[in-house]
Amino acid sequence: LEYNSNQDVTFARSNFHFSNAFGTKLELVSPAEITVDGDVIPFKQALAYYEKEYNGVKNSGDFKYVDVDGNTFNNTVTMVPSIDFDGTLDTISRSSNYMLTWVGDPVQTGEVVTVTIDGSGENDTQIFTQSGVGATDINLTQNQLANLGLEDATFYIRRSKNVAAQEVTSAGGNVIARYDGQPSTVYVEP
């Protein structure tokens, strides 16, 4: 489950791969199917995965995969807590560290908070992560900020949790919950 606050949409997605997580993506063959809360999830041919959209935040989803032999695998995904910027950051200096405090719960066991800064130049995207349980902020280090150009950059924030699925085939599987906060435009100065 992935909630995008910019669109106010939750995406219920499922991927199938040949042999393991690194294998070729697969489209299921009938009568195999994947559902979430009883709704069939359609296959997106161009993206090679299954996706269904729901308006607003979907707090959980019960995914049910039935293979061609009728074997059933049930997995529940619970949405991670919300996260967002506090709205006060509009300018950042690339010459010093910046401790960014987010709005939302502290990091919980198994969660990762990621702040991605996409500058206007090519190849200047910077990624910062925080996985310390109880953390409420993330250090945007000067050595990475220095890679940004002197102009507007887009800041993205995400809280995610990726754990082993409860019921899987011999190939294994994971369940992932992501909450994407509102992006923010921030001016980068010297």
C-alpha atoms as a PDB file:
ATOM      1  CA  LEU A   1       0.000   0.000   0.000  1.00  0.00           C
ATOM      2  CA  GLU A   2       1.315   3.415  -0.912  1.00  0.00           C
ATOM      3  CA  TYR A   3      -0.440   6.651   0.015  1.00  0.00           C
ATOM      4  CA  ASN A   4       0.428   9.756  -1.989  1.00  0.00           C
ATOM      5  CA  SER A   5      -0.744  12.857  -0.102  1.00  0.00           C
ATOM      6  CA  ASN A   6      -0.114  15.108  -3.103  1.00  0.00           C
ATOM      7  CA  GLN A   7      -2.802  13.181  -5.020  1.00  0.00           C
ATOM      8  CA  ASP A   8      -4.773  12.021  -1.929  1.00  0.00           C
ATOM      9  CA  VAL A   9      -4.755   8.489  -3.365  1.00  0.00           C
ATOM     10  CA  THR A  10      -3.731   5.107  -1.948  1.00  0.00           C
ATOM     11  CA  PHE A  11      -2.301   2.654  -4.453  1.00  0.00           C
ATOM     12  CA  ALA A  12      -2.722  -1.056  -3.749  1.00  0.00           C
ATOM     13  CA  ARG A  13       0.007  -2.740  -5.786  1.00  0.00           C
ATOM     14  CA  SER A  14       1.293  -6.238  -6.288  1.00  0.00           C
ATOM     15  CA  ASN A  15       4.290  -7.542  -8.229  1.00  0.00           C
ATOM     16  CA  PHE A  16       5.031 -11.100  -9.247  1.00  0.00           C
ATOM     17  CA  HIS A  17       8.479 -12.270 -10.338  1.00  0.00           C
ATOM     18  CA  PHE A  18       9.830 -15.468 -11.810  1.00  0.00           C
ATOM     19  CA  SER A  19      11.818 -17.513  -9.249  1.00  0.00           C
ATOM     20  CA  ASN A  20      12.699 -14.672  -6.805  1.00  0.00           C
ATOM     21  CA  ALA A  21      12.505 -10.896  -6.230  1.00  0.00           C
ATOM     22  CA  PHE A  22      15.109 -10.269  -8.932  1.00  0.00           C
ATOM     23  CA  GLY A  23      13.445 -12.455 -11.566  1.00  0.00           C
ATOM     24  CA  THR A  24      11.466 -11.324 -14.577  1.00  0.00           C
ATOM     25  CA  LYS A  25       8.159  -9.605 -13.747  1.00  0.00           C
ATOM     26  CA  LEU A  26       5.145 -11.801 -14.465  1.00  0.00           C
ATOM     27  CA  GLU A  27       1.518 -11.396 -15.439  1.00  0.00           C
ATOM     28  CA  LEU A  28      -0.694 -14.009 -13.805  1.00  0.00           C
ATOM     29  CA  VAL A  29      -2.384 -16.627 -15.979  1.00  0.00           C
ATOM     30  CA  SER A  30      -6.087 -17.304 -15.386  1.00  0.00           C
ATOM     31  CA  PRO A  31      -7.496 -18.636 -13.087  1.00  0.00           C
ATOM     32  CA  ALA A  32      -4.775 -17.087 -10.882  1.00  0.00           C
ATOM     33  CA  GLU A  33      -5.646 -13.652  -9.482  1.00  0.00           C
ATOM     34  CA  ILE A  34      -4.749 -11.047  -6.897  1.00  0.00           C
ATOM     35  CA  THR A  35      -7.345  -9.143  -4.872  1.00  0.00           C
ATOM     36  CA  VAL A  36      -7.304  -6.569  -2.097  1.00  0.00           C
ATOM     37  CA  ASP A  37     -10.261  -6.556   0.303  1.00  0.00           C
ATOM     38  CA  GLY A  38     -12.144  -8.620  -2.284  1.00  0.00           C
ATOM     39  CA  ASP A  39     -11.503  -6.199  -5.180  1.00  0.00           C
ATOM     40  CA  VAL A  40      -9.645  -7.673  -8.159  1.00  0.00           C
ATOM     41  CA  ILE A  41      -6.449  -5.723  -8.813  1.00  0.00           C
ATOM     42  CA  PRO A  42      -6.013  -5.085 -12.558  1.00  0.00           C
ATOM     43  CA  PHE A  43      -2.701  -5.644 -14.353  1.00  0.00           C
ATOM     44  CA  LYS A  44      -0.954  -2.537 -15.712  1.00  0.00           C
ATOM     45  CA  GLN A  45       0.698  -3.824 -18.880  1.00  0.00           C
ATOM     46  CA  ALA A  46       3.028  -0.849 -19.408  1.00  0.00           C
ATOM     47  CA  LEU A  47       4.340  -1.056 -15.828  1.00  0.00           C
ATOM     48  CA  ALA A  48       4.223  -4.870 -15.490  1.00  0.00           C
ATOM     49  CA  TYR A  49       2.497  -4.848 -12.093  1.00  0.00           C
ATOM     50  CA  TYR A  50      -0.972  -4.933 -10.567  1.00  0.00           C
ATOM     51  CA  GLU A  51      -2.503  -1.700  -9.235  1.00  0.00           C
ATOM     52  CA  LYS A  52      -5.807  -0.459  -7.849  1.00  0.00           C
ATOM     53  CA  GLU A  53      -6.423   3.109  -6.662  1.00  0.00           C
ATOM     54  CA  TYR A  54      -8.464   4.218  -3.665  1.00  0.00           C
ATOM     55  CA  ASN A  55      -9.335   7.832  -2.809  1.00  0.00           C
ATOM     56  CA  GLY A  56      -7.866   9.022   0.490  1.00  0.00           C
ATOM     57  CA  VAL A  57      -5.810   7.030   2.963  1.00  0.00           C
ATOM     58  CA  LYS A  58      -6.460   3.286   3.027  1.00  0.00           C
ATOM     59  CA  ASN A  59      -5.345   2.197   6.492  1.00  0.00           C
ATOM     60  CA  SER A  60      -4.946  -1.472   5.637  1.00  0.00           C
ATOM     61  CA  GLY A  61      -5.482  -3.972   2.882  1.00  0.00           C
ATOM     62  CA  ASP A  62      -6.015  -7.728   2.889  1.00  0.00           C
ATOM     63  CA  PHE A  63      -4.267  -9.065  -0.200  1.00  0.00           C
ATOM     64  CA  LYS A  64      -5.282 -12.503  -1.445  1.00  0.00           C
ATOM     65  CA  TYR A  65      -3.310 -14.299  -4.141  1.00  0.00           C
ATOM     66  CA  VAL A  66      -4.793 -17.448  -5.655  1.00  0.00           C
ATOM     67  CA  ASP A  67      -2.404 -19.344  -7.923  1.00  0.00           C
ATOM     68  CA  VAL A  68      -3.343 -21.472 -10.967  1.00  0.00           C
ATOM     69  CA  ASP A  69      -3.594 -24.581  -8.746  1.00  0.00           C
ATOM     70  CA  GLY A  70      -6.041 -22.900  -6.360  1.00  0.00           C
ATOM     71  CA  ASN A  71      -3.512 -22.400  -3.554  1.00  0.00           C
ATOM     72  CA  THR A  72      -4.346 -19.263  -1.550  1.00  0.00           C
ATOM     73  CA  PHE A  73      -1.901 -16.852   0.074  1.00  0.00           C
ATOM     74  CA  ASN A  74      -3.277 -14.125   2.359  1.00  0.00           C
ATOM     75  CA  ASN A  75      -1.269 -11.107   3.499  1.00  0.00           C
ATOM     76  CA  THR A  76      -2.349  -7.996   5.355  1.00  0.00           C
ATOM     77  CA  VAL A  77      -0.616  -4.654   4.869  1.00  0.00           C
ATOM     78  CA  THR A  78      -1.121  -1.947   7.472  1.00  0.00           C
ATOM     79  CA  MET A  79      -0.381   1.651   6.473  1.00  0.00           C
ATOM     80  CA  VAL A  80       2.464   3.351   8.313  1.00  0.00           C
ATOM     81  CA  PRO A  81       1.703   6.547  10.260  1.00  0.00           C
ATOM     82  CA  SER A  82       1.499   9.833   8.365  1.00  0.00           C
ATOM     83  CA  ILE A  83       4.507  12.073   7.854  1.00  0.00           C
ATOM     84  CA  ASP A  84       4.982  15.555   6.420  1.00  0.00           C
ATOM     85  CA  PHE A  85       7.140  18.656   6.427  1.00  0.00           C
ATOM     86  CA  ASP A  86       6.224  21.295   9.021  1.00  0.00           C
ATOM     87  CA  GLY A  87       5.825  24.019   6.384  1.00  0.00           C
ATOM     88  CA  THR A  88       8.476  26.376   7.779  1.00  0.00           C
ATOM     89  CA  LEU A  89      11.405  25.379   5.550  1.00  0.00           C
ATOM     90  CA  ASP A  90      11.577  27.658   2.511  1.00  0.00           C
ATOM     91  CA  THR A  91      15.341  28.274   2.232  1.00  0.00           C
ATOM     92  CA  ILE A  92      18.318  26.049   3.020  1.00  0.00           C
ATOM     93  CA  SER A  93      22.047  26.713   2.879  1.00  0.00           C
ATOM     94  CA  ARG A  94      24.336  24.280   1.117  1.00  0.00           C
ATOM     95  CA  SER A  95      27.242  25.334   3.334  1.00  0.00           C
ATOM     96  CA  SER A  96      26.034  23.778   6.617  1.00  0.00           C
ATOM     97  CA  ASN A  97      24.142  20.825   8.023  1.00  0.00           C
ATOM     98  CA  TYR A  98      20.386  21.188   8.537  1.00  0.00           C
ATOM     99  CA  MET A  99      18.417  19.164  11.102  1.00  0.00           C
ATOM    100  CA  LEU A 100      14.965  18.643   9.577  1.00  0.00           C
ATOM    101  CA  THR A 101      12.180  17.785  12.030  1.00  0.00           C
ATOM    102  CA  TRP A 102       9.050  16.263  10.498  1.00  0.00           C
ATOM    103  CA  VAL A 103       5.394  16.346  11.495  1.00  0.00           C
ATOM    104  CA  GLY A 104       4.311  12.860  12.512  1.00  0.00           C
ATOM    105  CA  ASP A 105       5.180   9.997  14.803  1.00  0.00           C
ATOM    106  CA  PRO A 106       8.749   9.045  15.681  1.00  0.00           C
ATOM    107  CA  VAL A 107      10.339   6.232  13.659  1.00  0.00           C
ATOM    108  CA  GLN A 108       8.989   2.852  14.757  1.00  0.00           C
ATOM    109  CA  THR A 109      10.699  -0.538  14.564  1.00  0.00           C
ATOM    110  CA  GLY A 110      11.276  -1.541  10.942  1.00  0.00           C
ATOM    111  CA  GLU A 111      10.437   1.879   9.496  1.00  0.00           C
ATOM    112  CA  VAL A 112      12.624   4.129   7.381  1.00  0.00           C
ATOM    113  CA  VAL A 113      12.059   7.847   6.808  1.00  0.00           C
ATOM    114  CA  THR A 114      13.546   9.144   3.570  1.00  0.00           C
ATOM    115  CA  VAL A 115      13.990  12.744   2.471  1.00  0.00           C
ATOM    116  CA  THR A 116      14.814  13.098  -1.213  1.00  0.00           C
ATOM    117  CA  ILE A 117      15.927  16.444  -2.599  1.00  0.00           C
ATOM    118  CA  ASP A 118      15.599  16.845  -6.344  1.00  0.00           C
ATOM    119  CA  GLY A 119      17.541  19.850  -7.549  1.00  0.00           C
ATOM    120  CA  SER A 120      17.040  21.440 -10.918  1.00  0.00           C
ATOM    121  CA  GLY A 121      20.358  20.193 -12.328  1.00  0.00           C
ATOM    122  CA  GLU A 122      21.068  16.810 -13.823  1.00  0.00           C
ATOM    123  CA  ASN A 123      22.250  14.100 -11.433  1.00  0.00           C
ATOM    124  CA  ASP A 124      21.998  16.283  -8.324  1.00  0.00           C
ATOM    125  CA  THR A 125      19.324  14.287  -6.479  1.00  0.00           C
ATOM    126  CA  GLN A 126      20.281  13.742  -2.834  1.00  0.00           C
ATOM    127  CA  ILE A 127      18.779  11.078  -0.549  1.00  0.00           C
ATOM    128  CA  PHE A 128      18.842  11.143   3.262  1.00  0.00           C
ATOM    129  CA  THR A 129      17.524   8.315   5.478  1.00  0.00           C
ATOM    130  CA  GLN A 130      16.623   7.866   9.124  1.00  0.00           C
ATOM    131  CA  SER A 131      15.832   4.449  10.630  1.00  0.00           C
ATOM    132  CA  GLY A 132      16.716   5.056  14.282  1.00  0.00           C
ATOM    133  CA  VAL A 133      13.769   3.949  16.426  1.00  0.00           C
ATOM    134  CA  GLY A 134      12.332   6.977  18.230  1.00  0.00           C
ATOM    135  CA  ALA A 135      13.896   9.540  15.874  1.00  0.00           C
ATOM    136  CA  THR A 136      11.842  12.620  15.009  1.00  0.00           C
ATOM    137  CA  ASP A 137      14.327  14.353  12.712  1.00  0.00           C
ATOM    138  CA  ILE A 138      16.865  13.705   9.995  1.00  0.00           C
ATOM    139  CA  ASN A 139      20.244  15.338   9.427  1.00  0.00           C
ATOM    140  CA  LEU A 140      20.629  16.858   5.964  1.00  0.00           C
ATOM    141  CA  THR A 141      24.416  16.888   5.831  1.00  0.00           C
ATOM    142  CA  GLN A 142      26.429  19.691   4.266  1.00  0.00           C
ATOM    143  CA  ASN A 143      28.525  17.300   2.157  1.00  0.00           C
ATOM    144  CA  GLN A 144      25.365  16.208   0.324  1.00  0.00           C
ATOM    145  CA  LEU A 145      23.651  19.618   0.300  1.00  0.00           C
ATOM    146  CA  ALA A 146      26.764  21.040  -1.402  1.00  0.00           C
ATOM    147  CA  ASN A 147      25.886  18.934  -4.473  1.00  0.00           C
ATOM    148  CA  LEU A 148      22.731  20.994  -5.101  1.00  0.00           C
ATOM    149  CA  GLY A 149      22.542  23.993  -7.423  1.00  0.00           C
ATOM    150  CA  LEU A 150      21.682  27.487  -6.220  1.00  0.00           C
ATOM    151  CA  GLU A 151      17.981  27.566  -7.052  1.00  0.00           C
ATOM    152  CA  ASP A 152      14.670  25.952  -6.163  1.00  0.00           C
ATOM    153  CA  ALA A 153      14.743  22.264  -5.282  1.00  0.00           C
ATOM    154  CA  THR A 154      11.847  19.902  -4.568  1.00  0.00           C
ATOM    155  CA  PHE A 155      11.904  18.106  -1.219  1.00  0.00           C
ATOM    156  CA  TYR A 156      10.035  14.798  -0.822  1.00  0.00           C
ATOM    157  CA  ILE A 157       9.418  12.910   2.431  1.00  0.00           C
ATOM    158  CA  ARG A 158       8.398   9.263   2.809  1.00  0.00           C
ATOM    159  CA  ARG A 159       7.844   6.863   5.686  1.00  0.00           C
ATOM    160  CA  SER A 160       8.036   3.194   4.710  1.00  0.00           C
ATOM    161  CA  LYS A 161       8.099  -0.282   6.184  1.00  0.00           C
ATOM    162  CA  ASN A 162       9.149  -3.411   4.300  1.00  0.00           C
ATOM    163  CA  VAL A 163       8.726  -6.780   6.058  1.00  0.00           C
ATOM    164  CA  ALA A 164       8.473 -10.434   5.084  1.00  0.00           C
ATOM    165  CA  ALA A 165       5.003 -11.446   3.914  1.00  0.00           C
ATOM    166  CA  GLN A 166       2.982 -13.748   6.178  1.00  0.00           C
ATOM    167  CA  GLU A 167       2.014 -16.316   3.518  1.00  0.00           C
ATOM    168  CA  VAL A 168       4.264 -16.861   0.494  1.00  0.00           C
ATOM    169  CA  THR A 169       5.212 -19.335  -2.200  1.00  0.00           C
ATOM    170  CA  SER A 170       8.636 -21.000  -2.071  1.00  0.00           C
ATOM    171  CA  ALA A 171       9.993 -17.901  -3.878  1.00  0.00           C
ATOM    172  CA  GLY A 172       9.188 -15.694  -0.840  1.00  0.00           C
ATOM    173  CA  GLY A 173       7.720 -12.212  -0.737  1.00  0.00           C
ATOM    174  CA  ASN A 174       7.446  -8.915   1.127  1.00  0.00           C
ATOM    175  CA  VAL A 175       4.719  -6.536   2.190  1.00  0.00           C
ATOM    176  CA  ILE A 176       5.438  -2.836   1.938  1.00  0.00           C
ATOM    177  CA  ALA A 177       3.608   0.194   3.309  1.00  0.00           C
ATOM    178  CA  ARG A 178       4.566   3.725   2.255  1.00  0.00           C
ATOM    179  CA  TYR A 179       3.232   7.157   3.140  1.00  0.00           C
ATOM    180  CA  ASP A 180       4.401  10.035   0.945  1.00  0.00           C
ATOM    181  CA  GLY A 181       3.980  13.486   2.476  1.00  0.00           C
ATOM    182  CA  GLN A 182       3.385  16.673   0.488  1.00  0.00           C
ATOM    183  CA  PRO A 183       6.394  17.752  -1.587  1.00  0.00           C
ATOM    184  CA  SER A 184       7.879  21.136  -0.734  1.00  0.00           C
ATOM    185  CA  THR A 185       9.785  23.665  -2.871  1.00  0.00           C
ATOM    186  CA  VAL A 186      12.840  25.031  -1.072  1.00  0.00           C
ATOM    187  CA  TYR A 187      15.368  27.599  -2.292  1.00  0.00           C
ATOM    188  CA  VAL A 188      18.993  26.468  -2.000  1.00  0.00           C
ATOM    189  CA  GLU A 189      21.411  29.287  -1.186  1.00  0.00           C
ATOM    190  CA  PRO A 190      25.223  29.354  -0.829  1.00  0.00           C
END
